[in-house]
C-alpha cells in the first residue's frame, strides 16, 4: 500500500508524497498555526490518504489495552512498560540507521522530549498501572476523552481554531463514548481512574506536539527519535524491573509485549503522526472516537469480557459524530 510505504520513504518526503516537508505557518508575531484543516479537503487525495493513515493508527491503538492485559499475565507493570520501550527503540533505531536519517535539528528536540515523555513513557506506564485494577472496557474511558483533549492541546500549541460545529460534535461524541464506557464498567470509580486521567493529559500533549513536528520532519522519525531518546532510561529501568518483579513468560505475555512494542509503540504511531500531518491534529484526533468501541470488541474476542447490547447504539452515534467533525 503506497500510503504505508511512504512512511519509510526518504527524508525529503514528508506526507502523502509531497515534494518536501511542509513547515508550520507563522504570523508576524511568530505564532505557529496548523494549516492542514484548511488545506486538506474531503476530495483531496492527500486528505483521503491522511485519513486512512490516521484510521490505521487508531486500529493499532485499539489493541493496546488488550495487549497490555496479555503482557501483564506474566510481567509486572514496570517490566511491561520498560521492555516495550526497549524493544520499540531497537526497531526504531534500526529503521533510522537503515534510512541513514540525520539527527533532528536542535529546535526539534524540545518537542521530541514532550513526545517521549507523553507517548513513549507516560501513557504506557500510567495505563499499565491502571489495568492492574481496571478492566479494558473501563480503561477505554481515557481514549474516549483523548480526541477532545488532543484538540484542545493542539489549539493552544498551534493557534488552530476549529469551528463551533466541530466542537459540538466532538463534545457529543466524547460524551457518548464516556457514557458507554462508564456504563460498561458499572459507573464506579476505581483507584486506576487517577492513572487514567494522568495518562489522558500526557498522551494528548504528546499527540499534539508529535502532530506539529510531523509537519516539519518525516512522521516516522518523530516517534523514532523519541524512542531512541528514551533508551538511556529504559534499558537500566528494564533491568531493574525484571529483577524486582516476577517473570512468567507465556504465549499471551510474549504476544502482548511484541504487539505493544512493534504495533502500538512504533508502527501505529508512524502512520498516526503522518495522518495528523496530512489532515491536521484536531481532525485526525476525532477518528479516535471509534477507538474505545474497537477496544471493547477486542476485549470480547481476546479477553472474554462481556459487552452489553448498548454497543451497537453507541457505535452508530460515534460514527455520526466522526462524520460531522470531519466536515466541521
Protein backbone atom coordinates (compact mmCIF):
# COMPACT_ATOMS: atom_id res chain seq x y z
CA UNK A 1 0.00 0.00 0.00
CA UNK A 2 1.50 3.30 -1.07
CA UNK A 3 0.30 5.21 1.97
CA UNK A 4 2.05 2.81 4.29
CA UNK A 5 5.20 2.61 2.16
CA UNK A 6 5.55 6.37 2.23
CA UNK A 7 6.01 6.23 5.99
CA UNK A 8 9.51 4.90 5.39
CA UNK A 9 10.33 6.96 2.33
CA UNK A 10 13.38 9.18 2.01
CA UNK A 11 13.74 12.01 4.46
CA UNK A 12 12.81 14.51 1.75
CA UNK A 13 9.29 13.11 1.68
CA UNK A 14 7.06 14.40 4.45
CA UNK A 15 3.47 13.30 3.95
CA UNK A 16 1.34 11.85 1.19
CA UNK A 17 4.04 12.03 -1.47
CA UNK A 18 4.69 15.74 -1.09
CA UNK A 19 7.85 17.09 -2.68
CA UNK A 20 9.31 18.12 0.65
CA UNK A 21 8.40 18.58 4.30
CA UNK A 22 5.76 21.19 4.96
CA UNK A 23 6.52 23.75 7.67
CA UNK A 24 4.23 25.28 10.22
CA UNK A 25 2.98 28.66 9.09
CA UNK A 26 3.77 31.61 11.35
CA UNK A 27 2.27 35.04 11.62
CA UNK A 28 4.11 38.30 12.17
CA UNK A 29 4.28 37.64 15.89
CA UNK A 30 5.90 34.26 15.31
CA UNK A 31 2.84 32.24 16.43
CA UNK A 32 2.63 28.81 14.78
CA UNK A 33 -0.56 27.79 13.02
CA UNK A 34 -1.72 24.43 11.71
CA UNK A 35 -2.76 24.95 8.08
CA UNK A 36 -3.82 21.37 7.44
CA UNK A 37 -7.57 21.61 8.17
CA UNK A 38 -7.99 24.41 5.65
CA UNK A 39 -5.69 22.81 3.04
CA UNK A 40 -6.95 19.22 3.21
CA UNK A 41 -10.48 18.90 1.84
CA UNK A 42 -12.67 15.84 1.66
CA UNK A 43 -11.91 15.47 -2.10
CA UNK A 44 -8.15 16.00 -1.74
CA UNK A 45 -6.15 12.75 -2.32
CA UNK A 46 -3.74 13.87 0.41
CA UNK A 47 -6.66 14.23 2.83
CA UNK A 48 -8.01 10.79 1.97
CA UNK A 49 -4.56 9.27 2.40
CA UNK A 50 -4.08 11.09 5.70
CA UNK A 51 -7.46 9.92 6.97
CA UNK A 52 -6.61 6.32 6.04
CA UNK A 53 -3.25 6.51 7.81
CA UNK A 54 -4.78 8.01 10.94
CA UNK A 55 -7.50 5.35 10.90
CA UNK A 56 -4.87 2.59 10.68
CA UNK A 57 -3.20 4.14 13.70
CA UNK A 58 -6.49 4.04 15.61
CA UNK A 59 -6.90 0.33 14.80
CA UNK A 60 -3.38 -0.33 16.08
CA UNK A 61 -4.02 1.67 19.25
CA UNK A 62 -7.33 -0.12 19.88
CA UNK A 63 -5.34 -3.30 20.54
CA UNK A 64 -3.08 -1.62 23.09
CA UNK A 65 -5.18 -2.31 26.19
CA UNK A 66 -5.85 -5.98 25.32
CA UNK A 67 -2.15 -6.36 24.52
CA UNK A 68 -1.27 -4.81 27.87
CA UNK A 69 -3.67 -7.18 29.66
CA UNK A 70 -1.95 -10.12 27.98
CA UNK A 71 1.53 -8.83 28.86
CA UNK A 72 0.51 -8.35 32.50
CA UNK A 73 -0.31 -12.07 32.73
CA UNK A 74 3.41 -12.80 33.04
CA UNK A 75 5.15 -9.49 33.76
CA UNK A 76 4.84 -6.66 36.25
CA UNK A 77 3.70 -3.18 35.14
CA UNK A 78 7.16 -1.63 35.26
CA UNK A 79 8.64 -4.55 33.31
CA UNK A 80 5.93 -4.26 30.64
CA UNK A 81 6.48 -0.52 30.24
CA UNK A 82 10.28 -0.53 30.11
CA UNK A 83 10.61 -3.67 27.97
CA UNK A 84 8.17 -2.37 25.37
CA UNK A 85 10.17 0.86 25.11
CA UNK A 86 13.47 -1.01 24.72
CA UNK A 87 12.07 -3.33 22.03
CA UNK A 88 10.40 -0.48 20.16
CA UNK A 89 13.59 1.58 20.35
CA UNK A 90 15.52 -1.30 18.76
CA UNK A 91 13.07 -1.35 15.85
CA UNK A 92 13.09 2.43 15.53
CA UNK A 93 16.87 2.68 15.80
CA UNK A 94 17.31 0.02 13.12
CA UNK A 95 14.96 1.93 10.81
CA UNK A 96 16.80 5.19 11.42
CA UNK A 97 20.16 3.55 10.70
CA UNK A 98 18.85 1.78 7.60
CA UNK A 99 17.50 5.04 6.20
CA UNK A 100 20.63 6.93 7.31
CA UNK A 101 18.41 9.52 8.94
CA UNK A 102 20.17 12.67 10.04
CA UNK A 103 19.75 13.66 13.70
CA UNK A 104 16.93 16.15 14.33
CA UNK A 105 17.69 19.84 14.39
CA UNK A 106 18.24 21.36 17.81
CA UNK A 107 14.92 23.21 17.62
CA UNK A 108 13.06 19.91 17.30
CA UNK A 109 14.42 18.26 20.44
CA UNK A 110 12.17 20.03 23.00
CA UNK A 111 9.12 18.79 21.10
CA UNK A 112 10.59 15.29 20.76
CA UNK A 113 11.12 15.16 24.52
CA UNK A 114 7.44 16.05 25.02
CA UNK A 115 6.52 13.17 22.69
CA UNK A 116 8.88 10.85 24.59
CA UNK A 117 7.53 11.85 28.00
CA UNK A 118 3.86 11.67 26.98
CA UNK A 119 3.54 8.95 24.34
CA UNK A 120 6.57 6.71 24.86
CA UNK A 121 6.73 6.62 28.67
CA UNK A 122 3.85 8.43 30.39
CA UNK A 123 0.80 6.95 28.69
CA UNK A 124 2.10 3.33 28.60
CA UNK A 125 3.18 3.41 32.25
CA UNK A 126 0.04 5.03 33.64
CA UNK A 127 -2.37 2.86 31.65
CA UNK A 128 -0.42 -0.29 32.54
CA UNK A 129 -0.67 0.62 36.23
CA UNK A 130 -4.39 1.33 35.77
CA UNK A 131 -5.04 -2.03 34.10
CA UNK A 132 -3.89 -3.81 37.22
CA UNK A 133 -7.20 -2.84 38.83
CA UNK A 134 -9.38 -1.80 35.87
CA UNK A 135 -10.87 -3.79 33.02
CA UNK A 136 -10.06 -2.84 29.45
CA UNK A 137 -13.62 -1.58 28.96
CA UNK A 138 -13.25 0.79 31.90
CA UNK A 139 -9.83 1.95 30.66
CA UNK A 140 -11.47 2.79 27.33
CA UNK A 141 -12.77 5.95 29.04
CA UNK A 142 -9.36 7.55 28.63
CA UNK A 143 -9.20 7.04 24.88
CA UNK A 144 -12.75 8.33 24.64
CA UNK A 145 -11.53 11.62 26.06
CA UNK A 146 -8.31 11.78 24.03
CA UNK A 147 -9.78 13.37 20.87
CA UNK A 148 -11.21 16.34 22.73
CA UNK A 149 -8.14 16.80 24.93
CA UNK A 150 -5.78 16.48 21.96
CA UNK A 151 -7.77 19.10 20.03
CA UNK A 152 -7.51 21.48 22.99
CA UNK A 153 -3.73 20.96 23.28
CA UNK A 154 -3.40 21.44 19.52
CA UNK A 155 -5.42 24.67 19.55
CA UNK A 156 -3.28 26.08 22.36
CA UNK A 157 0.01 24.94 20.81
CA UNK A 158 -0.57 25.78 17.14
CA UNK A 159 -3.20 28.52 17.27
CA UNK A 160 -5.74 26.41 15.35
CA UNK A 161 -9.39 27.42 15.81
CA UNK A 162 -11.85 24.64 14.88
CA UNK A 163 -15.45 25.64 14.16
CA UNK A 164 -18.32 25.55 16.67
CA UNK A 165 -19.86 22.61 14.82
CA UNK A 166 -16.56 20.75 15.19
CA UNK A 167 -16.50 21.32 18.94
CA UNK A 168 -20.20 20.47 19.35
CA UNK A 169 -19.75 17.15 17.52
CA UNK A 170 -16.53 16.40 19.40
CA UNK A 171 -18.15 17.03 22.77
CA UNK A 172 -21.17 14.94 21.83
CA UNK A 173 -19.01 12.06 20.63
CA UNK A 174 -16.84 12.21 23.72
CA UNK A 175 -19.94 12.21 25.94
CA UNK A 176 -21.31 9.14 24.12
CA UNK A 177 -18.01 7.27 24.48
CA UNK A 178 -17.59 8.19 28.14
CA UNK A 179 -21.19 7.27 28.96
CA UNK A 180 -20.87 3.94 27.20
CA UNK A 181 -17.53 3.04 28.81
CA UNK A 182 -18.70 4.07 32.29
CA UNK A 183 -21.92 2.10 31.86
CA UNK A 184 -19.92 -0.95 30.84
CA UNK A 185 -17.73 -0.68 33.95
CA UNK A 186 -20.68 -0.19 36.31
CA UNK A 187 -20.11 3.53 36.81
CA UNK A 188 -17.98 3.06 39.94
CA UNK A 189 -14.68 5.00 40.03
CA UNK A 190 -11.64 2.84 40.72
CA UNK A 191 -8.16 3.57 42.01
CA UNK A 192 -7.00 3.25 38.41
CA UNK A 193 -9.00 6.32 37.40
CA UNK A 194 -6.28 8.68 38.64
CA UNK A 195 -3.74 6.86 36.49
CA UNK A 196 -6.10 7.04 33.51
CA UNK A 197 -6.69 10.76 33.96
CA UNK A 198 -2.96 11.43 34.13
CA UNK A 199 -2.41 9.24 31.05
CA UNK A 200 -5.04 11.25 29.18
CA UNK A 201 -3.25 14.53 29.80
CA UNK A 202 0.30 13.42 28.98
CA UNK A 203 -0.77 11.49 25.88
CA UNK A 204 -2.79 14.38 24.48
CA UNK A 205 0.24 16.67 24.89
CA UNK A 206 2.45 14.11 23.14
CA UNK A 207 -0.01 13.63 20.29
CA UNK A 208 -0.42 17.35 19.69
CA UNK A 209 3.33 18.01 19.78
CA UNK A 210 4.07 14.99 17.59
CA UNK A 211 1.49 16.09 15.03
CA UNK A 212 3.10 19.54 14.91
CA UNK A 213 6.58 18.07 14.46
CA UNK A 214 5.36 15.73 11.72
CA UNK A 215 4.69 18.78 9.55
CA UNK A 216 8.38 19.71 9.50
CA UNK A 217 10.06 16.28 9.66
CA UNK A 218 9.00 12.79 8.49
CA UNK A 219 6.39 11.34 10.84
CA UNK A 220 8.21 8.03 11.31
CA UNK A 221 11.27 9.93 12.52
CA UNK A 222 9.21 11.79 15.12
CA UNK A 223 8.40 8.63 17.04
CA UNK A 224 11.72 7.01 16.06
CA UNK A 225 13.88 9.70 17.64
CA UNK A 226 11.54 9.97 20.64
CA UNK A 227 12.02 6.25 21.28
CA UNK A 228 15.79 6.46 20.85
CA UNK A 229 15.89 9.36 23.30
CA UNK A 230 14.37 7.09 25.97
CA UNK A 231 17.00 4.33 25.66
CA UNK A 232 19.34 5.67 28.40
CA UNK A 233 16.46 5.48 30.87
CA UNK A 234 14.59 2.45 29.52
CA UNK A 235 17.49 -0.04 29.43
CA UNK A 236 18.53 0.27 33.10
CA UNK A 237 14.86 0.60 34.03
CA UNK A 238 14.09 -2.71 32.32
CA UNK A 239 16.99 -4.43 34.07
CA UNK A 240 15.84 -3.22 37.48
CA UNK A 241 12.16 -4.01 36.82
CA UNK A 242 12.83 -7.55 35.55
CA UNK A 243 14.95 -8.25 38.62
CA UNK A 244 12.36 -6.85 41.04
CA UNK A 245 9.11 -8.14 39.53
CA UNK A 246 8.03 -11.75 38.86
CA UNK A 247 8.56 -13.03 35.31
CA UNK A 248 6.42 -15.87 33.89
CA UNK A 249 6.72 -15.84 30.12
CA UNK A 250 3.90 -17.47 28.18
CA UNK A 251 2.29 -17.18 24.78
CA UNK A 252 -0.03 -14.34 25.77
CA UNK A 253 2.73 -12.43 27.55
CA UNK A 254 5.15 -12.60 24.62
CA UNK A 255 2.48 -11.81 22.02
CA UNK A 256 1.14 -8.89 24.06
CA UNK A 257 4.59 -7.42 24.66
CA UNK A 258 5.60 -7.74 20.99
CA UNK A 259 2.42 -6.04 19.86
CA UNK A 260 2.89 -3.21 22.35
CA UNK A 261 6.48 -2.66 21.19
CA UNK A 262 6.07 -3.02 17.42
CA UNK A 263 2.39 -2.41 16.67
CA UNK A 264 1.33 0.20 19.23
CA UNK A 265 4.62 1.89 20.09
CA UNK A 266 6.18 2.22 16.63
CA UNK A 267 4.16 1.25 13.53
CA UNK A 268 0.88 2.61 14.89
CA UNK A 269 2.48 5.92 15.85
CA UNK A 270 4.25 6.19 12.47
CA UNK A 271 1.01 6.08 10.49
CA UNK A 272 -0.79 8.13 13.14
CA UNK A 273 1.64 11.04 13.04
CA UNK A 274 1.71 11.01 9.24
CA UNK A 275 -2.06 11.07 9.19
CA UNK A 276 -2.12 14.03 11.58
CA UNK A 277 0.42 15.84 9.42
CA UNK A 278 -1.82 15.42 6.37
CA UNK A 279 -5.24 16.37 7.78
CA UNK A 280 -4.41 18.30 10.97
CA UNK A 281 -4.16 17.26 14.59
CA UNK A 282 -7.71 18.23 15.56
CA UNK A 283 -9.43 16.42 12.68
CA UNK A 284 -7.30 13.30 12.98
CA UNK A 285 -7.85 13.11 16.72
CA UNK A 286 -11.60 12.80 16.21
CA UNK A 287 -11.11 9.45 14.49
CA UNK A 288 -10.12 8.17 17.92
CA UNK A 289 -13.75 8.44 18.98
CA UNK A 290 -14.10 4.97 17.45
CA UNK A 291 -11.14 3.58 19.39
CA UNK A 292 -12.96 2.72 22.65
CA UNK A 293 -15.58 0.74 20.75
CA UNK A 294 -12.91 -1.14 18.83
CA UNK A 295 -11.14 -1.85 22.12
CA UNK A 296 -14.38 -3.22 23.55
CA UNK A 297 -14.71 -5.55 20.55
CA UNK A 298 -11.17 -6.82 21.08
CA UNK A 299 -11.93 -7.20 24.79
CA UNK A 300 -14.72 -9.63 23.92
CA UNK A 301 -12.78 -11.55 21.29
CA UNK A 302 -9.39 -11.70 23.02
CA UNK A 303 -10.15 -11.39 26.74
CA UNK A 304 -13.65 -12.83 27.00
CA UNK A 305 -15.16 -9.72 28.62
CA UNK A 306 -18.93 -9.30 28.40
CA UNK A 307 -20.31 -6.30 26.48
CA UNK A 308 -23.99 -5.38 26.75
CA UNK A 309 -26.47 -4.52 23.97
CA UNK A 310 -25.70 -0.78 24.16
CA UNK A 311 -22.63 -1.24 21.94
CA UNK A 312 -24.38 -1.02 18.52
CA UNK A 313 -26.25 2.15 19.53
CA UNK A 314 -23.09 3.81 20.82
CA UNK A 315 -21.18 2.73 17.71
CA UNK A 316 -23.70 4.39 15.38
CA UNK A 317 -23.77 7.59 17.45
CA UNK A 318 -19.97 7.81 17.48
CA UNK A 319 -19.69 7.24 13.74
CA UNK A 320 -22.19 10.06 13.14
CA UNK A 321 -20.11 12.38 15.32
CA UNK A 322 -16.95 11.43 13.45
CA UNK A 323 -18.63 12.29 10.16
CA UNK A 324 -19.69 15.70 11.48
CA UNK A 325 -16.24 16.54 12.85
CA UNK A 326 -14.60 15.63 9.54
CA UNK A 327 -16.77 18.29 7.88
CA UNK A 328 -16.63 20.80 10.72
